[in-house]
Protein backbone atom coordinates (compact mmCIF):
# COMPACT_ATOMS: atom_id res chain seq x y z
CA MET A 1 91.28 38.59 166.68
CA GLN A 2 89.47 35.45 166.50
CA ILE A 3 86.92 34.70 169.58
CA ARG A 4 88.31 30.85 170.94
CA MET A 5 85.46 28.13 171.22
CA LYS A 6 84.36 27.85 174.90
CA ILE A 7 83.66 23.79 175.97
CA PHE A 8 82.16 22.84 178.84
CA LEU A 9 83.30 19.80 180.53
CA LEU A 10 81.32 18.20 182.80
CA THR A 11 82.68 15.70 185.04
CA ASN A 12 80.78 13.69 188.23
CA THR A 13 83.33 12.61 191.10
CA ASN A 14 81.26 9.53 191.57
CA PHE A 15 82.70 8.23 188.13
CA VAL A 16 85.94 8.55 187.57
CA GLY A 17 86.07 6.81 184.22
CA ASP A 18 83.73 8.72 182.86
CA ASN A 19 85.55 11.39 183.79
CA ASN A 20 88.72 10.03 182.08
CA GLN A 21 87.06 9.69 178.73
CA LEU A 22 86.18 13.48 178.71
CA LYS A 23 89.66 14.12 179.42
CA GLY A 24 91.28 12.11 176.67
CA ILE A 25 88.61 13.51 174.46
CA GLN A 26 89.86 17.31 175.60
CA LEU A 27 93.27 16.02 174.75
CA ALA A 28 92.36 14.73 171.15
CA ILE A 29 90.47 18.49 170.66
CA GLN A 30 93.20 20.33 171.99
CA THR A 31 95.71 18.65 169.75
CA LYS A 32 93.22 19.11 166.67
CA LEU A 33 92.12 22.95 167.30
CA LYS A 34 95.55 24.18 168.72
CA GLU A 35 94.75 27.48 170.27
CA GLN A 36 91.01 27.48 169.04
CA CYS A 37 89.31 26.34 172.06
CA GLU A 38 89.18 27.00 175.50
CA PHE A 39 88.27 24.21 178.18
CA GLN A 40 86.10 24.35 181.48
CA GLN A 41 85.72 21.51 183.55
CA ILE A 42 83.09 21.72 186.28
CA GLU A 43 80.81 19.21 188.43
CA GLU A 44 77.61 18.37 186.77
CA SER A 45 76.17 18.92 190.45
CA GLU A 46 77.37 22.91 190.15
CA PHE A 47 76.97 22.99 186.00
CA ASP A 48 74.14 26.27 186.00
CA VAL A 49 73.12 26.13 182.12
CA ASN A 50 71.76 29.71 182.16
CA SER A 51 76.10 30.05 181.79
CA LEU A 52 76.21 28.18 178.39
CA GLY A 53 76.69 31.27 175.63
CA GLU A 54 74.89 30.63 172.35
CA LYS A 55 78.29 28.48 170.67
CA ASP A 56 79.71 26.76 173.99
CA ILE A 57 79.73 23.21 173.19
CA VAL A 58 79.69 20.63 175.93
CA LEU A 59 80.80 17.06 176.68
CA VAL A 60 79.55 14.85 178.81
CA SER A 61 79.77 10.86 179.68
CA GLY A 62 77.92 7.80 181.31
CA SER A 63 74.09 7.44 181.71
CA HIS A 64 74.39 10.57 183.96
CA GLY A 65 75.82 12.52 180.92
CA LEU A 66 72.40 11.27 179.04
CA ILE A 67 70.28 12.82 181.82
CA ILE A 68 72.07 16.51 181.98
CA THR A 69 72.09 16.81 178.00
CA ASP A 70 68.22 15.68 178.52
CA GLN A 71 67.86 19.04 181.25
CA ILE A 72 70.19 21.51 178.95
CA LYS A 73 68.87 20.60 175.70
CA GLN A 74 65.38 21.18 177.29
CA SER A 75 66.29 24.51 178.04
CA LYS A 76 68.94 25.43 175.24
CA PRO A 77 67.98 23.36 172.48
CA GLY A 78 70.58 24.86 170.23
CA THR A 79 73.46 23.84 172.45
CA LYS A 80 75.65 21.35 170.92
CA ILE A 81 76.47 18.18 172.84
CA VAL A 82 79.29 15.17 172.40
CA TRP A 83 78.27 12.05 174.74
CA SER A 84 80.75 9.54 175.02
CA GLY A 85 80.38 6.09 177.32
CA HIS A 86 81.39 2.40 177.67
CA GLN A 87 77.86 0.56 176.89
CA TYR A 88 74.28 1.26 175.49
CA PHE A 89 72.30 3.09 178.91
CA ASP A 90 68.60 2.41 178.83
CA GLU A 91 68.14 5.97 179.39
CA PHE A 92 68.65 6.34 175.79
CA ASN A 93 65.03 4.80 175.10
CA SER A 94 64.00 7.55 178.07
CA ILE A 95 65.44 10.81 177.42
CA LYS A 96 63.37 12.82 175.22
CA TYR A 97 66.58 15.01 173.43
CA PHE A 98 69.91 13.42 171.85
CA PRO A 99 73.76 14.71 172.09
CA ASP A 100 74.57 15.77 168.65
CA ILE A 101 77.08 13.15 168.97
CA VAL A 102 77.03 9.63 170.49
CA ALA A 103 80.25 7.89 170.73
CA LEU A 104 80.32 3.81 172.25
CA PRO A 105 82.52 1.08 171.37
CA GLY A 106 81.34 -1.20 168.77
CA THR A 107 81.28 -3.77 171.20
CA ALA A 108 78.74 -2.84 173.21
CA LEU A 109 75.97 -2.25 169.95
CA LEU A 110 73.55 -4.09 168.78
CA GLU A 111 72.54 -3.04 165.10
CA ILE A 112 69.31 -2.17 166.19
CA ASP A 113 71.15 0.15 168.69
CA LYS A 114 73.00 1.96 165.92
CA THR A 115 70.07 2.16 163.78
CA GLU A 116 67.82 4.10 166.39
CA ILE A 117 71.03 6.24 167.75
CA LYS A 118 71.39 7.47 164.02
CA LYS A 119 67.92 8.41 163.63
CA ARG A 120 68.66 11.38 166.12
CA ALA A 121 72.31 11.97 166.53
CA LYS A 122 75.96 11.30 164.85
CA LEU A 123 77.11 7.34 165.87
CA ILE A 124 81.04 7.13 166.39
CA VAL A 125 81.94 3.51 167.09
CA THR A 126 85.21 3.25 168.59
CA ALA A 127 87.22 0.52 169.71
CA GLY A 128 87.42 0.73 173.59
CA VAL A 129 86.48 4.03 175.02
CA SER A 130 89.21 7.54 175.38
CA HIS A 131 91.36 7.87 178.08
CA CYS A 132 94.28 10.19 179.26
CA VAL A 133 96.86 7.40 180.09
CA ASN A 134 100.09 8.40 179.06
CA ASP A 135 103.40 8.84 179.20
CA GLN A 136 103.24 12.24 180.52
CA THR A 137 100.68 11.22 182.55
CA VAL A 138 101.90 8.41 184.48
CA THR A 139 104.92 9.96 185.16
CA GLU A 140 103.18 13.35 186.35
CA ASP A 141 101.18 11.29 188.94
CA HIS A 142 104.48 9.34 189.72
CA ALA A 143 105.74 12.02 191.25
CA LYS A 144 103.09 12.87 192.83
CA PHE A 145 102.38 10.10 194.59
CA LYS A 146 102.65 10.52 198.83
CA GLY A 147 102.40 6.39 199.05
CA ASP A 148 105.34 4.09 199.43
CA LEU A 149 105.94 2.28 196.03
CA PRO A 150 108.73 -1.21 195.45
CA GLU A 151 111.96 -0.87 194.66
CA HIS A 152 113.02 -1.80 191.20
CA ALA A 153 116.50 -2.91 192.76
CA GLN A 154 114.34 -4.94 195.21
CA TYR A 155 112.15 -5.81 193.64
CA PRO A 156 112.92 -6.36 189.73
CA LYS A 157 109.33 -8.44 189.53
CA GLN A 158 106.53 -6.04 190.14
CA VAL A 159 103.07 -7.18 189.12
CA GLY A 160 99.82 -4.40 189.46
CA ILE A 161 96.42 -5.52 190.28
CA ILE A 162 93.13 -3.44 189.89
CA LEU A 163 90.60 -4.72 192.05
CA ALA A 164 86.82 -4.82 190.48
CA GLY A 165 84.35 -2.83 191.76
CA ASP A 166 80.30 -2.88 191.52
CA ALA A 167 78.95 -2.13 188.47
CA PRO A 168 75.35 -1.32 186.81
CA THR A 169 74.20 -3.32 183.37
CA ALA A 170 72.64 -1.60 180.74
CA GLU A 171 69.55 -1.76 181.95
CA GLY A 172 70.42 -0.48 185.32
CA LYS A 173 70.80 -3.93 187.63
CA MET A 174 73.86 -3.49 189.73
CA MET A 175 76.20 -6.36 189.70
CA PHE A 176 78.70 -7.02 192.90
CA PHE A 177 82.05 -7.92 193.45
CA THR A 178 81.47 -9.40 196.68
CA GLU A 179 83.75 -10.94 199.38
CA GLU A 180 83.38 -14.60 197.82
CA ASN A 181 84.33 -13.95 193.95
CA ALA A 182 87.51 -11.22 195.50
CA ARG A 183 88.77 -14.35 197.47
CA LYS A 184 88.10 -16.56 194.26
CA GLN A 185 89.74 -14.04 191.67
CA ALA A 186 92.68 -13.96 194.04
CA VAL A 187 93.19 -17.36 193.93
CA ILE A 188 92.99 -17.64 189.94
CA ILE A 189 95.23 -14.64 189.88
CA SER A 190 98.27 -16.10 192.42
CA SER A 191 97.75 -19.84 190.27
CA ARG A 192 98.63 -17.91 187.39
CA LEU A 193 101.42 -16.06 189.31
CA LYS A 194 102.85 -19.20 190.80
CA ALA A 195 103.15 -21.32 187.39
CA LYS A 196 104.93 -18.14 185.97
CA GLY A 197 107.72 -18.13 188.90
CA TYR A 198 106.35 -14.96 190.94
CA ASN A 199 106.00 -16.21 194.43
CA THR A 200 109.68 -14.90 195.45
CA THR A 201 110.83 -13.03 197.48
CA ASP A 202 112.14 -10.12 194.39
CA THR A 203 108.21 -10.03 193.44
CA ALA A 204 105.86 -6.91 194.40
CA ILE A 205 102.60 -7.17 194.12
CA MET A 206 101.04 -4.01 194.15
CA ILE A 207 97.23 -3.96 194.66
CA THR A 208 94.77 -1.00 194.39
CA ASN A 209 90.88 -0.60 194.67
CA GLY A 210 88.60 2.10 193.48
CA PRO A 211 85.55 3.86 193.81
CA ARG A 212 82.92 1.34 193.67
CA THR A 213 85.03 -2.02 195.04
CA GLY A 214 82.75 -2.84 197.84
CA LYS A 215 80.47 -0.08 197.89
CA HIS A 216 77.53 -2.17 198.11
CA ASN A 217 75.93 -4.11 200.11
CA PRO A 218 74.87 -7.35 197.93
CA ASP A 219 72.11 -8.54 200.31
CA THR A 220 69.75 -5.47 200.44
CA GLY A 221 71.48 -3.63 197.23
CA ASN A 222 72.14 -0.64 198.74
CA ALA A 223 75.13 1.47 199.11
CA HIS A 224 76.85 1.31 202.35
CA ASN A 225 76.37 4.42 204.40
CA PRO A 226 78.94 5.69 205.33
CA GLU A 227 80.48 4.54 201.64
CA PRO A 228 84.35 2.81 202.46
CA HIS A 229 85.90 5.20 200.50
CA ARG A 230 84.87 8.14 202.17
CA SER A 231 85.09 6.81 205.67
CA GLY A 232 88.52 5.68 205.70
CA GLU A 233 87.83 2.15 205.79
CA VAL A 234 89.10 -0.57 203.92
CA ASP A 235 86.01 -2.37 202.20
CA ALA A 236 85.01 -6.22 202.53
CA SER A 237 85.49 -7.46 199.16
CA SER A 238 89.24 -5.78 199.03
CA LYS A 239 90.12 -7.34 202.51
CA ALA A 240 88.78 -10.26 201.47
CA PHE A 241 91.10 -10.36 198.13
CA LEU A 242 93.80 -9.58 200.05
CA ASP A 243 93.90 -11.61 203.09
CA ALA A 244 93.91 -14.77 200.20
CA ILE A 245 96.21 -13.20 198.22
CA ASN A 246 98.00 -12.92 201.08
CA GLU A 247 97.98 -16.56 202.27
CA GLU A 248 98.22 -17.73 198.13
CA MET A 249 101.35 -15.78 197.30
CA SER A 250 103.50 -16.34 200.57
CA GLN A 251 106.70 -15.34 199.49
CA SER A 252 105.85 -12.34 197.43
CA GLN A 253 105.83 -8.98 199.19
CA VAL A 254 102.53 -6.95 198.87
CA PHE A 255 101.43 -3.63 198.62
CA PHE A 256 98.12 -2.37 198.82
CA TYR A 257 96.99 0.97 198.62
CA ASP A 258 93.62 1.78 199.59
CA PHE A 259 91.54 4.31 197.47
CA GLN A 260 90.19 7.34 199.40
CA PHE A 261 88.47 10.64 198.25
CA ALA A 262 89.76 12.50 201.18
CA ASP A 263 93.50 11.43 200.00
CA LEU A 264 92.78 13.10 196.65
CA LYS A 265 93.10 16.34 198.42
CA ASN A 266 97.07 15.76 198.90
CA GLY A 267 97.93 14.02 195.50
CA PRO A 268 96.47 11.33 192.93
CA SER A 269 95.58 7.95 193.36
CA ALA A 270 97.85 4.92 193.36
CA TYR A 271 96.60 4.27 189.80
CA LYS A 272 98.84 5.90 187.45
CA PRO A 273 101.75 5.48 189.71
CA MET A 274 101.26 1.92 189.80
CA ILE A 275 101.26 1.80 185.76
CA LYS A 276 104.59 2.93 186.03
CA GLN A 277 106.12 1.09 188.18
CA VAL A 278 105.10 -1.85 186.11
CA ALA A 279 105.92 -0.39 183.00
CA ASP A 280 109.25 0.59 184.65
CA SER A 281 110.13 -3.14 186.17
CA GLN A 282 112.37 -5.98 184.63
CA THR A 283 109.28 -8.58 184.35
CA GLY A 284 106.20 -6.63 185.16
CA LEU A 285 102.46 -8.04 184.83
CA TRP A 286 98.99 -6.10 185.14
CA PHE A 287 96.24 -7.73 186.04
CA VAL A 288 92.83 -5.40 184.85
CA PRO A 289 89.08 -6.61 185.93
CA SER A 290 87.03 -6.92 183.03
CA GLU A 291 84.22 -4.85 184.77
CA SER A 292 86.07 -1.78 183.88
CA THR A 293 86.07 -0.91 180.00
CA SER A 294 87.55 2.60 180.76
CA MET A 295 90.56 0.43 182.46
CA VAL A 296 91.00 -2.21 180.28
CA THR A 297 90.87 0.20 177.23
CA GLU A 298 93.81 2.34 179.39
CA SER A 299 96.11 -0.48 179.90
CA SER A 300 96.89 -0.36 175.78
CA PHE A 301 99.31 2.12 177.36
CA PHE A 302 101.60 -1.55 177.67
CA LEU A 303 101.57 -2.31 174.42
CA GLU A 304 105.05 -0.66 173.74
CA LYS A 305 106.06 -1.33 177.07
CA GLY A 306 106.48 -5.02 176.71
CA ILE A 307 104.11 -5.76 179.66
CA PRO A 308 101.49 -8.23 179.12
CA VAL A 309 98.27 -7.44 179.97
CA VAL A 310 95.61 -9.67 181.55
CA ILE A 311 91.84 -9.57 182.22
CA TYR A 312 90.06 -11.41 184.63
CA HIS A 313 86.35 -11.52 185.42
CA PRO A 314 84.46 -11.03 188.33
CA SER A 315 80.87 -11.29 189.37
CA SER A 316 80.29 -7.83 188.49
CA GLU A 317 81.27 -8.30 185.43
CA ASN A 318 78.10 -7.35 182.48
CA PRO A 319 77.44 -8.75 178.97
CA ALA A 320 79.10 -5.34 177.35
CA HIS A 321 82.15 -5.85 179.39
CA LEU A 322 82.37 -9.22 178.83
CA ALA A 323 82.17 -8.09 174.79
CA HIS A 324 84.99 -5.65 175.36
CA ALA A 325 87.13 -8.03 177.21
CA LYS A 326 86.72 -10.91 174.29
CA ASP A 327 87.41 -7.82 171.67
CA ALA A 328 90.90 -7.22 173.63
CA VAL A 329 91.57 -10.71 173.51
CA ASN A 330 91.17 -11.45 170.24
CA GLN A 331 92.83 -8.47 168.83
CA ARG A 332 95.71 -9.12 171.27
CA PHE A 333 95.96 -6.78 172.79
CA ALA A 334 95.59 -8.35 176.02
CA VAL A 335 95.70 -12.45 177.39
CA ASP A 336 92.60 -13.67 179.51
CA VAL A 337 92.81 -14.99 182.67
CA THR A 338 90.43 -18.31 182.42
CA ASN A 339 93.26 -19.78 180.08
CA GLU A 340 94.75 -22.34 182.29
CA ALA A 341 97.01 -22.68 179.58
CA ILE A 342 97.60 -18.68 179.36
CA SER A 343 101.19 -17.73 177.77
CA PHE A 344 102.32 -14.27 179.07
CA GLU A 345 104.09 -13.42 175.70
CA ILE A 346 104.28 -9.76 174.94
CA SER A 347 100.91 -8.56 173.51
CA LYS A 348 101.18 -7.46 169.55
CA GLY A 349 97.79 -5.79 168.88
CA LYS A 350 96.90 -2.38 168.18
CA MET A 351 94.02 -0.41 169.31
CA GLU A 352 92.36 2.58 167.52
CA SER A 353 92.54 5.87 169.35
CA ALA A 354 88.52 6.54 170.53
CA ALA A 355 89.66 10.02 171.33
CA THR A 356 90.79 11.03 168.16
CA LYS A 357 88.34 9.41 166.20
CA ILE A 358 85.96 11.27 168.43
CA ALA A 359 87.71 14.84 167.87
CA GLU A 360 87.71 14.08 164.33
CA ALA A 361 84.18 13.57 164.01
CA PHE A 362 83.72 17.05 166.59
CA TYR A 363 86.06 18.85 164.37
CA GLN A 364 83.99 17.55 161.02
CA ALA A 365 80.22 18.16 162.58
CA LEU A 366 81.01 21.13 165.04
CA VAL A 367 83.60 22.93 164.54
CA LEU A 368 83.89 23.54 160.77
CA THR A 369 80.69 25.65 160.76
CA LYS A 370 81.98 27.69 163.89
CA ILE A 371 85.59 28.24 162.97
CA PRO A 372 86.50 28.70 159.22
CA LYS A 373 90.15 28.06 159.67
CA VAL A 374 91.55 25.28 161.55
CA SER A 375 95.44 24.71 162.19
CA SER A 376 96.76 21.94 160.37
CA VAL A 377 97.62 18.96 162.48
CA ASN A 378 98.50 15.18 162.00
CA SER A 379 94.50 13.75 161.36
CA THR A 380 95.62 10.35 161.41
CA MET A 381 93.07 7.58 162.71
CA TYR A 382 94.91 5.06 163.60
CA GLY A 383 97.95 4.49 166.02
CA THR A 384 99.18 2.44 168.66
CA ALA A 385 97.48 3.22 172.48
CA ALA A 386 100.59 3.55 174.11
CA LYS A 387 101.40 7.06 172.28
CA SER A 388 97.93 8.09 174.14
CA ASP A 389 94.88 7.75 173.42
CA ALA A 390 94.91 11.42 172.16
CA GLU A 391 97.36 9.92 169.23
CA SER A 392 99.27 13.19 168.15
CA PHE A 393 99.48 14.92 171.30
CA GLU A 394 102.19 16.40 172.26
CA PRO A 395 103.30 16.90 176.35
CA THR A 396 104.98 19.97 175.49
CA GLN A 397 102.27 21.86 173.21
CA GLN A 398 99.31 22.23 175.12
CA VAL A 399 98.21 25.65 174.03
CA CYS A 400 94.28 25.58 174.56
CA LYS A 401 93.42 27.48 177.87
CA CYS A 402 92.07 24.43 180.03
CA LYS A 403 90.23 25.54 183.54
């Protein structure tokens, strides 16, 4: 009997986008290896390096994942580690031990970064980041969601707006999505909606925030204590955006879904249910902040749904975010809100599957030396991301044991 490869996903509740990258990679690896792997998801804070077996593999993400990599390699240098991220973090310059595989978007890398990484790891350059947004996951979350969603019969025009959050630069400097900028973005977005005839009584505008929205006090740079998304209070930046958009879009109906960690015990956040609502609407629009590379990439779900994706630029945007947003626009996968002559045409671009590319590198570099024979599957590297980031993933064929 063949022994299954054990793969640990080390997650962190404070970094939702990073966790989703890992889940996307998991789906792609499951597709590639079928029954030959077993996944176990563990919070970084609860992970015991001594629990690692000799042939176990670890998946990590984000700057915190680089720190965990360094710690694991110091204790067990033979452990194989795959790291995925959305930008070149300063931690690359301080850690002693590198992951075996490093995956980053091409827009986040300078040539000197590529050169330095290649000296110490296998570098996988991707288009965007891995994600787990597909027809199955959005449908499942939509069915489980506890909040009230607008009826399509009453609101055939449905707009989804994701609010930005505070975000660090590659050097660790925190950039803030301030109250003032939230009001500014609401006015910009409203002007685009008005120009396209969305300030009407049959329009539903769904808005949600995330754990990083309004997390910090911009004056001190410190996180609010308690954090608004753990206290049940709506953060100041979200309030400012809501006040402005309600004033600007007076004829439309606004639905706001406040992200609270405590609510996740009872069901999913509004993010994926909103995606399905917009995708199923007659005349939908999706607005996403450039500061979330993960969500910009995940918005490629709409490519085959006929729904335009519009990227806006909050005050928390850093150079890596801007580069990725420009690339998405150049590839015709999204349109930019700053263009006053914006045309909400159906996007026609394609996006390379980051997770599938990482899974292939994982297989070539780490698996071939561990498993003599692997099930034959479609290893095509390109395709429209609307299929799911794990390109050939089939929801009815999840045969790997996941814990």
